[in-house]
Amino acid sequence: MLRGLSALALSISTYLAWVAFHSTGVAGCGGGIFDCDHVLSSHWSRWFQVPVGAAAAALYFCALSALGFCRRMSSDAKQRFAWRVVTVCGLAAGLAAVWFVVLQFFVIGHICSYCLVAHTCGLVIAGTIIWTRPLGGRSTASMASISVIGVLVLIGGQLVTPETPKWEAEYHAVESSVSTAETDSTNATVESSVFEAPNFEKEDVFEPPLLDDDAAPEKTKADQEDQK
């Protein structure tokens, strides 16, 4: 059961870390209170410049690797060392799960469904270790102190991590002062008058110009004789 929960949490944490590094959207989680993109882009999603998903993936990878030596075929020394690693990682995962669930519900105001599944795995792993105590009560308590210190380092790093600057784009629609009806009527008037013919009467177009008698040139004697 511990191997299965660690493998599931490792897969989810690796995917969330990949999304954080590449700044892509989370599949199937967006809108409303369940908004993974909002959670992963918040101030609490990073430890300095490292996404917390990457730290979670490393934690569950160590736990899953150590569980591989928790077998009867391994020596007692290897088993004891492996259970120490599993205890530290499992209790740290449970404490971190409590911290991040509180942040999502009471600080961020949005919930990441993927994160909740991974946190549930961490809580179950931590509860199983506390219930069974494979190292005994005293050794489990000493390993728990290491887990508490690790989670406190995580929280302290998040508190001192500067917030990521954010920008908001605003769009304003520009309304025209001329109404559409006035524009259409103006265009129609211009189109009808562009190629309008000059104001000439048809019968006067080809008539010769009329000159006054004073302005007419004097007729020569040859012209008068021709007329006679």
C-alpha atoms as a PDB file:
ATOM      1  CA  MET A   1       0.000   0.000   0.000  1.00  0.00           C
ATOM      2  CA  LEU A   2       2.824   2.412   0.839  1.00  0.00           C
ATOM      3  CA  ARG A   3       4.504   1.724  -2.504  1.00  0.00           C
ATOM      4  CA  GLY A   4       1.274   2.331  -4.407  1.00  0.00           C
ATOM      5  CA  LEU A   5       0.528   5.602  -2.579  1.00  0.00           C
ATOM      6  CA  SER A   6       4.108   6.815  -3.025  1.00  0.00           C
ATOM      7  CA  ALA A   7       4.038   5.998  -6.743  1.00  0.00           C
ATOM      8  CA  LEU A   8       0.726   7.839  -7.220  1.00  0.00           C
ATOM      9  CA  ALA A   9       1.922  10.902  -5.320  1.00  0.00           C
ATOM     10  CA  LEU A  10       5.211  10.843  -7.236  1.00  0.00           C
ATOM     11  CA  SER A  11       3.389  10.824 -10.576  1.00  0.00           C
ATOM     12  CA  ILE A  12       1.139  13.735  -9.627  1.00  0.00           C
ATOM     13  CA  SER A  13       3.983  15.780  -8.143  1.00  0.00           C
ATOM     14  CA  THR A  14       6.133  15.223 -11.228  1.00  0.00           C
ATOM     15  CA  TYR A  15       3.312  16.368 -13.506  1.00  0.00           C
ATOM     16  CA  LEU A  16       2.639  19.498 -11.422  1.00  0.00           C
ATOM     17  CA  ALA A  17       6.357  20.305 -11.365  1.00  0.00           C
ATOM     18  CA  TRP A  18       6.496  19.960 -15.162  1.00  0.00           C
ATOM     19  CA  VAL A  19       3.497  22.299 -15.497  1.00  0.00           C
ATOM     20  CA  ALA A  20       5.134  24.854 -13.193  1.00  0.00           C
ATOM     21  CA  PHE A  21       8.451  24.789 -15.058  1.00  0.00           C
ATOM     22  CA  HIS A  22       6.814  25.138 -18.496  1.00  0.00           C
ATOM     23  CA  SER A  23       4.015  27.531 -17.407  1.00  0.00           C
ATOM     24  CA  THR A  24       1.311  25.471 -19.096  1.00  0.00           C
ATOM     25  CA  GLY A  25      -2.260  24.874 -17.995  1.00  0.00           C
ATOM     26  CA  VAL A  26      -3.322  21.948 -15.838  1.00  0.00           C
ATOM     27  CA  ALA A  27      -5.553  19.499 -17.696  1.00  0.00           C
ATOM     28  CA  GLY A  28      -9.104  19.213 -16.411  1.00  0.00           C
ATOM     29  CA  CYS A  29      -8.798  21.666 -13.534  1.00  0.00           C
ATOM     30  CA  GLY A  30      -9.899  25.222 -14.122  1.00  0.00           C
ATOM     31  CA  GLY A  31     -12.715  27.559 -13.215  1.00  0.00           C
ATOM     32  CA  GLY A  32     -14.555  28.168  -9.998  1.00  0.00           C
ATOM     33  CA  ILE A  33     -13.114  27.145  -6.663  1.00  0.00           C
ATOM     34  CA  PHE A  34     -11.225  24.223  -8.248  1.00  0.00           C
ATOM     35  CA  ASP A  35      -8.606  26.222 -10.136  1.00  0.00           C
ATOM     36  CA  CYS A  36      -5.225  24.474 -10.319  1.00  0.00           C
ATOM     37  CA  ASP A  37      -3.661  27.183 -12.478  1.00  0.00           C
ATOM     38  CA  HIS A  38      -4.457  29.814  -9.843  1.00  0.00           C
ATOM     39  CA  VAL A  39      -2.947  27.677  -7.087  1.00  0.00           C
ATOM     40  CA  LEU A  40       0.204  26.835  -9.046  1.00  0.00           C
ATOM     41  CA  SER A  41       0.778  30.491  -9.957  1.00  0.00           C
ATOM     42  CA  SER A  42       0.319  31.780  -6.420  1.00  0.00           C
ATOM     43  CA  HIS A  43       3.049  33.012  -4.104  1.00  0.00           C
ATOM     44  CA  TRP A  44       2.886  29.772  -2.090  1.00  0.00           C
ATOM     45  CA  SER A  45       3.610  27.497  -5.051  1.00  0.00           C
ATOM     46  CA  ARG A  46       7.376  28.116  -4.951  1.00  0.00           C
ATOM     47  CA  TRP A  47      10.219  27.723  -2.498  1.00  0.00           C
ATOM     48  CA  PHE A  48      12.430  30.583  -3.596  1.00  0.00           C
ATOM     49  CA  GLN A  49      12.567  29.829  -7.364  1.00  0.00           C
ATOM     50  CA  VAL A  50      11.870  26.082  -7.108  1.00  0.00           C
ATOM     51  CA  PRO A  51       8.279  24.836  -7.560  1.00  0.00           C
ATOM     52  CA  VAL A  52       7.083  22.935  -4.499  1.00  0.00           C
ATOM     53  CA  GLY A  53       5.941  20.172  -6.844  1.00  0.00           C
ATOM     54  CA  ALA A  54       9.577  19.421  -7.628  1.00  0.00           C
ATOM     55  CA  ALA A  55      10.394  19.143  -3.914  1.00  0.00           C
ATOM     56  CA  ALA A  56       7.401  16.856  -3.397  1.00  0.00           C
ATOM     57  CA  ALA A  57       8.488  14.674  -6.317  1.00  0.00           C
ATOM     58  CA  ALA A  58      11.976  14.317  -4.811  1.00  0.00           C
ATOM     59  CA  LEU A  59      10.454  13.439  -1.425  1.00  0.00           C
ATOM     60  CA  TYR A  60       8.204  10.700  -2.775  1.00  0.00           C
ATOM     61  CA  PHE A  61      10.990   9.380  -4.999  1.00  0.00           C
ATOM     62  CA  CYS A  62      13.204   8.900  -1.926  1.00  0.00           C
ATOM     63  CA  ALA A  63      10.350   7.177  -0.068  1.00  0.00           C
ATOM     64  CA  LEU A  64       9.579   4.864  -2.984  1.00  0.00           C
ATOM     65  CA  SER A  65      13.243   3.985  -3.446  1.00  0.00           C
ATOM     66  CA  ALA A  66      13.656   3.216   0.264  1.00  0.00           C
ATOM     67  CA  LEU A  67      10.558   1.007   0.260  1.00  0.00           C
ATOM     68  CA  GLY A  68      12.351  -1.201  -2.245  1.00  0.00           C
ATOM     69  CA  PHE A  69      14.743  -2.292   0.543  1.00  0.00           C
ATOM     70  CA  CYS A  70      11.990  -2.912   3.106  1.00  0.00           C
ATOM     71  CA  ARG A  71      11.888  -6.630   2.331  1.00  0.00           C
ATOM     72  CA  ARG A  72      12.792  -9.802   4.119  1.00  0.00           C
ATOM     73  CA  MET A  73      15.531 -10.589   1.621  1.00  0.00           C
ATOM     74  CA  SER A  74      17.370  -7.390   2.637  1.00  0.00           C
ATOM     75  CA  SER A  75      19.665  -7.384   5.636  1.00  0.00           C
ATOM     76  CA  ASP A  76      18.480  -5.998   8.969  1.00  0.00           C
ATOM     77  CA  ALA A  77      20.781  -3.002   8.676  1.00  0.00           C
ATOM     78  CA  LYS A  78      19.445  -2.108   5.215  1.00  0.00           C
ATOM     79  CA  GLN A  79      15.859  -2.573   6.335  1.00  0.00           C
ATOM     80  CA  ARG A  80      16.330  -0.373   9.382  1.00  0.00           C
ATOM     81  CA  PHE A  81      18.002   2.379   7.356  1.00  0.00           C
ATOM     82  CA  ALA A  82      15.271   2.133   4.684  1.00  0.00           C
ATOM     83  CA  TRP A  83      12.529   2.436   7.299  1.00  0.00           C
ATOM     84  CA  ARG A  84      14.225   5.513   8.711  1.00  0.00           C
ATOM     85  CA  VAL A  85      14.146   7.149   5.293  1.00  0.00           C
ATOM     86  CA  VAL A  86      10.515   6.104   4.783  1.00  0.00           C
ATOM     87  CA  THR A  87       9.554   7.428   8.216  1.00  0.00           C
ATOM     88  CA  VAL A  88      11.193  10.812   7.671  1.00  0.00           C
ATOM     89  CA  CYS A  89       9.750  11.212   4.169  1.00  0.00           C
ATOM     90  CA  GLY A  90       6.302   9.923   5.111  1.00  0.00           C
ATOM     91  CA  LEU A  91       5.889  12.154   8.163  1.00  0.00           C
ATOM     92  CA  ALA A  92       7.235  15.157   6.234  1.00  0.00           C
ATOM     93  CA  ALA A  93       4.731  14.456   3.457  1.00  0.00           C
ATOM     94  CA  GLY A  94       1.882  14.359   5.988  1.00  0.00           C
ATOM     95  CA  LEU A  95       2.918  17.602   7.702  1.00  0.00           C
ATOM     96  CA  ALA A  96       3.407  19.359   4.349  1.00  0.00           C
ATOM     97  CA  ALA A  97      -0.012  18.106   3.247  1.00  0.00           C
ATOM     98  CA  VAL A  98      -1.654  19.727   6.269  1.00  0.00           C
ATOM     99  CA  TRP A  99       0.199  22.987   5.572  1.00  0.00           C
ATOM    100  CA  PHE A 100      -0.776  23.164   1.903  1.00  0.00           C
ATOM    101  CA  VAL A 101      -4.405  22.189   2.501  1.00  0.00           C
ATOM    102  CA  VAL A 102      -4.734  25.013   5.033  1.00  0.00           C
ATOM    103  CA  LEU A 103      -3.172  27.419   2.538  1.00  0.00           C
ATOM    104  CA  GLN A 104      -5.560  26.444  -0.244  1.00  0.00           C
ATOM    105  CA  PHE A 105      -8.715  26.686   1.871  1.00  0.00           C
ATOM    106  CA  PHE A 106      -7.964  29.742   4.016  1.00  0.00           C
ATOM    107  CA  VAL A 107      -5.289  31.804   2.208  1.00  0.00           C
ATOM    108  CA  ILE A 108      -5.358  31.190  -1.547  1.00  0.00           C
ATOM    109  CA  GLY A 109      -9.098  30.676  -1.765  1.00  0.00           C
ATOM    110  CA  HIS A 110      -8.834  28.101  -4.570  1.00  0.00           C
ATOM    111  CA  ILE A 111      -8.279  24.351  -4.577  1.00  0.00           C
ATOM    112  CA  CYS A 112      -6.088  22.193  -6.783  1.00  0.00           C
ATOM    113  CA  SER A 113      -7.705  18.781  -7.231  1.00  0.00           C
ATOM    114  CA  TYR A 114      -4.414  17.172  -8.248  1.00  0.00           C
ATOM    115  CA  CYS A 115      -2.762  18.584  -5.133  1.00  0.00           C
ATOM    116  CA  LEU A 116      -5.538  17.220  -2.932  1.00  0.00           C
ATOM    117  CA  VAL A 117      -4.987  13.703  -4.267  1.00  0.00           C
ATOM    118  CA  ALA A 118      -1.244  13.918  -3.609  1.00  0.00           C
ATOM    119  CA  HIS A 119      -1.832  15.397  -0.151  1.00  0.00           C
ATOM    120  CA  THR A 120      -4.267  12.603   0.659  1.00  0.00           C
ATOM    121  CA  CYS A 121      -1.580  10.080  -0.230  1.00  0.00           C
ATOM    122  CA  GLY A 122       0.853  11.873   2.066  1.00  0.00           C
ATOM    123  CA  LEU A 123      -1.623  11.919   4.939  1.00  0.00           C
ATOM    124  CA  VAL A 124      -2.376   8.212   4.562  1.00  0.00           C
ATOM    125  CA  ILE A 125       1.338   7.358   4.446  1.00  0.00           C
ATOM    126  CA  ALA A 126       2.025   9.451   7.559  1.00  0.00           C
ATOM    127  CA  GLY A 127      -0.952   7.966   9.395  1.00  0.00           C
ATOM    128  CA  THR A 128       0.154   4.422   8.527  1.00  0.00           C
ATOM    129  CA  ILE A 129       3.682   5.055   9.807  1.00  0.00           C
ATOM    130  CA  ILE A 130       2.406   6.578  13.054  1.00  0.00           C
ATOM    131  CA  TRP A 131      -0.023   3.681  13.542  1.00  0.00           C
ATOM    132  CA  THR A 132       2.416   0.848  12.835  1.00  0.00           C
ATOM    133  CA  ARG A 133       5.664   2.499  14.042  1.00  0.00           C
ATOM    134  CA  PRO A 134       8.029   0.092  12.200  1.00  0.00           C
ATOM    135  CA  LEU A 135      11.053   1.543  14.041  1.00  0.00           C
ATOM    136  CA  GLY A 136       9.412   1.617  17.448  1.00  0.00           C
ATOM    137  CA  GLY A 137       8.053   4.566  19.375  1.00  0.00           C
ATOM    138  CA  ARG A 138      11.334   6.244  20.346  1.00  0.00           C
ATOM    139  CA  SER A 139      12.988   5.999  16.925  1.00  0.00           C
ATOM    140  CA  THR A 140       9.797   7.152  15.210  1.00  0.00           C
ATOM    141  CA  ALA A 141       9.686  10.237  17.457  1.00  0.00           C
ATOM    142  CA  SER A 142      13.329  11.090  16.668  1.00  0.00           C
ATOM    143  CA  MET A 143      12.683  10.713  12.935  1.00  0.00           C
ATOM    144  CA  ALA A 144       9.568  12.873  13.318  1.00  0.00           C
ATOM    145  CA  SER A 145      11.700  15.724  14.647  1.00  0.00           C
ATOM    146  CA  ILE A 146      13.735  15.664  11.423  1.00  0.00           C
ATOM    147  CA  SER A 147      10.501  15.806   9.432  1.00  0.00           C
ATOM    148  CA  VAL A 148       9.279  18.791  11.444  1.00  0.00           C
ATOM    149  CA  ILE A 149      12.539  20.659  10.837  1.00  0.00           C
ATOM    150  CA  GLY A 150      12.313  19.958   7.103  1.00  0.00           C
ATOM    151  CA  VAL A 151       8.733  21.284   6.874  1.00  0.00           C
ATOM    152  CA  LEU A 152       9.674  24.379   8.897  1.00  0.00           C
ATOM    153  CA  VAL A 153      12.482  25.066   6.422  1.00  0.00           C
ATOM    154  CA  LEU A 154       9.936  24.733   3.619  1.00  0.00           C
ATOM    155  CA  ILE A 155       7.514  27.164   5.282  1.00  0.00           C
ATOM    156  CA  GLY A 156      10.285  29.641   6.099  1.00  0.00           C
ATOM    157  CA  GLY A 157      11.525  29.617   2.525  1.00  0.00           C
ATOM    158  CA  GLN A 158       8.007  30.309   1.252  1.00  0.00           C
ATOM    159  CA  LEU A 159       7.561  33.206   3.658  1.00  0.00           C
ATOM    160  CA  VAL A 160      10.752  34.956   2.532  1.00  0.00           C
ATOM    161  CA  THR A 161      10.237  34.215  -1.165  1.00  0.00           C
ATOM    162  CA  PRO A 162       9.342  37.488  -2.931  1.00  0.00           C
ATOM    163  CA  GLU A 163       5.986  37.568  -4.612  1.00  0.00           C
ATOM    164  CA  THR A 164       5.921  37.212  -8.370  1.00  0.00           C
ATOM    165  CA  PRO A 165       4.923  40.492 -10.089  1.00  0.00           C
ATOM    166  CA  LYS A 166       1.606  40.328 -11.894  1.00  0.00           C
ATOM    167  CA  TRP A 167       0.055  42.482 -14.609  1.00  0.00           C
ATOM    168  CA  GLU A 168      -3.536  43.110 -15.522  1.00  0.00           C
ATOM    169  CA  ALA A 169      -4.569  44.021 -19.048  1.00  0.00           C
ATOM    170  CA  GLU A 170      -7.506  46.388 -19.521  1.00  0.00           C
ATOM    171  CA  TYR A 171      -9.309  46.884 -22.820  1.00  0.00           C
ATOM    172  CA  HIS A 172     -11.444  49.942 -23.603  1.00  0.00           C
ATOM    173  CA  ALA A 173     -13.845  50.081 -26.559  1.00  0.00           C
ATOM    174  CA  VAL A 174     -13.603  53.312 -28.612  1.00  0.00           C
ATOM    175  CA  GLU A 175     -17.020  54.598 -29.682  1.00  0.00           C
ATOM    176  CA  SER A 176     -17.298  56.747 -32.807  1.00  0.00           C
ATOM    177  CA  SER A 177     -18.914  60.181 -32.405  1.00  0.00           C
ATOM    178  CA  VAL A 178     -20.665  59.893 -35.783  1.00  0.00           C
ATOM    179  CA  SER A 179     -23.623  57.601 -35.851  1.00  0.00           C
ATOM    180  CA  THR A 180     -23.921  54.800 -38.350  1.00  0.00           C
ATOM    181  CA  ALA A 181     -27.006  56.313 -39.988  1.00  0.00           C
ATOM    182  CA  GLU A 182     -25.265  59.639 -40.581  1.00  0.00           C
ATOM    183  CA  THR A 183     -22.229  57.875 -42.029  1.00  0.00           C
ATOM    184  CA  ASP A 184     -24.347  55.831 -44.439  1.00  0.00           C
ATOM    185  CA  SER A 185     -26.257  58.895 -45.639  1.00  0.00           C
ATOM    186  CA  THR A 186     -23.020  60.851 -46.176  1.00  0.00           C
ATOM    187  CA  ASN A 187     -21.502  58.005 -48.170  1.00  0.00           C
ATOM    188  CA  ALA A 188     -24.620  57.729 -50.322  1.00  0.00           C
ATOM    189  CA  THR A 189     -24.576  61.478 -51.072  1.00  0.00           C
ATOM    190  CA  VAL A 190     -20.906  61.408 -52.020  1.00  0.00           C
ATOM    191  CA  GLU A 191     -21.325  58.361 -54.254  1.00  0.00           C
ATOM    192  CA  SER A 192     -24.276  59.903 -56.112  1.00  0.00           C
ATOM    193  CA  SER A 193     -22.503  63.195 -56.778  1.00  0.00           C
ATOM    194  CA  VAL A 194     -19.004  62.053 -57.657  1.00  0.00           C
ATOM    195  CA  PHE A 195     -19.652  61.373 -61.350  1.00  0.00           C
ATOM    196  CA  GLU A 196     -22.452  63.868 -61.912  1.00  0.00           C
ATOM    197  CA  ALA A 197     -22.272  65.469 -65.398  1.00  0.00           C
ATOM    198  CA  PRO A 198     -21.767  69.212 -65.865  1.00  0.00           C
ATOM    199  CA  ASN A 199     -24.922  71.334 -66.031  1.00  0.00           C
ATOM    200  CA  PHE A 200     -25.102  71.763 -69.821  1.00  0.00           C
ATOM    201  CA  GLU A 201     -28.172  71.679 -72.006  1.00  0.00           C
ATOM    202  CA  LYS A 202     -27.925  69.045 -74.725  1.00  0.00           C
ATOM    203  CA  GLU A 203     -28.887  71.331 -77.667  1.00  0.00           C
ATOM    204  CA  ASP A 204     -26.289  73.945 -76.700  1.00  0.00           C
ATOM    205  CA  VAL A 205     -23.296  71.665 -76.384  1.00  0.00           C
ATOM    206  CA  PHE A 206     -22.075  71.887 -79.991  1.00  0.00           C
ATOM    207  CA  GLU A 207     -23.308  75.369 -80.965  1.00  0.00           C
ATOM    208  CA  PRO A 208     -20.606  77.891 -81.925  1.00  0.00           C
ATOM    209  CA  PRO A 209     -19.966  80.758 -79.573  1.00  0.00           C
ATOM    210  CA  LEU A 210     -21.935  83.951 -80.207  1.00  0.00           C
ATOM    211  CA  LEU A 211     -19.977  87.139 -80.566  1.00  0.00           C
ATOM    212  CA  ASP A 212     -21.253  90.674 -80.411  1.00  0.00           C
ATOM    213  CA  ASP A 213     -21.152  92.829 -83.516  1.00  0.00           C
ATOM    214  CA  ASP A 214     -18.576  95.090 -81.920  1.00  0.00           C
ATOM    215  CA  ALA A 215     -16.297  92.192 -81.146  1.00  0.00           C
ATOM    216  CA  ALA A 216     -16.652  90.531 -84.582  1.00  0.00           C
ATOM    217  CA  PRO A 217     -13.788  91.153 -87.057  1.00  0.00           C
ATOM    218  CA  GLU A 218     -14.478  93.421 -90.021  1.00  0.00           C
ATOM    219  CA  LYS A 219     -15.253  91.624 -93.249  1.00  0.00           C
ATOM    220  CA  THR A 220     -12.819  92.086 -96.010  1.00  0.00           C
ATOM    221  CA  LYS A 221     -13.851  93.170 -99.542  1.00  0.00           C
ATOM    222  CA  ALA A 222     -13.126  89.667-100.803  1.00  0.00           C
ATOM    223  CA  ASP A 223     -15.540  88.165 -98.321  1.00  0.00           C
ATOM    224  CA  GLN A 224     -18.236  90.637 -99.272  1.00  0.00           C
ATOM    225  CA  GLU A 225     -17.761  89.878-102.976  1.00  0.00           C
ATOM    226  CA  ASP A 226     -17.942  86.164-102.258  1.00  0.00           C
ATOM    227  CA  GLN A 227     -21.202  86.655-100.444  1.00  0.00           C
ATOM    228  CA  LYS A 228     -22.608  88.625-103.387  1.00  0.00           C
END
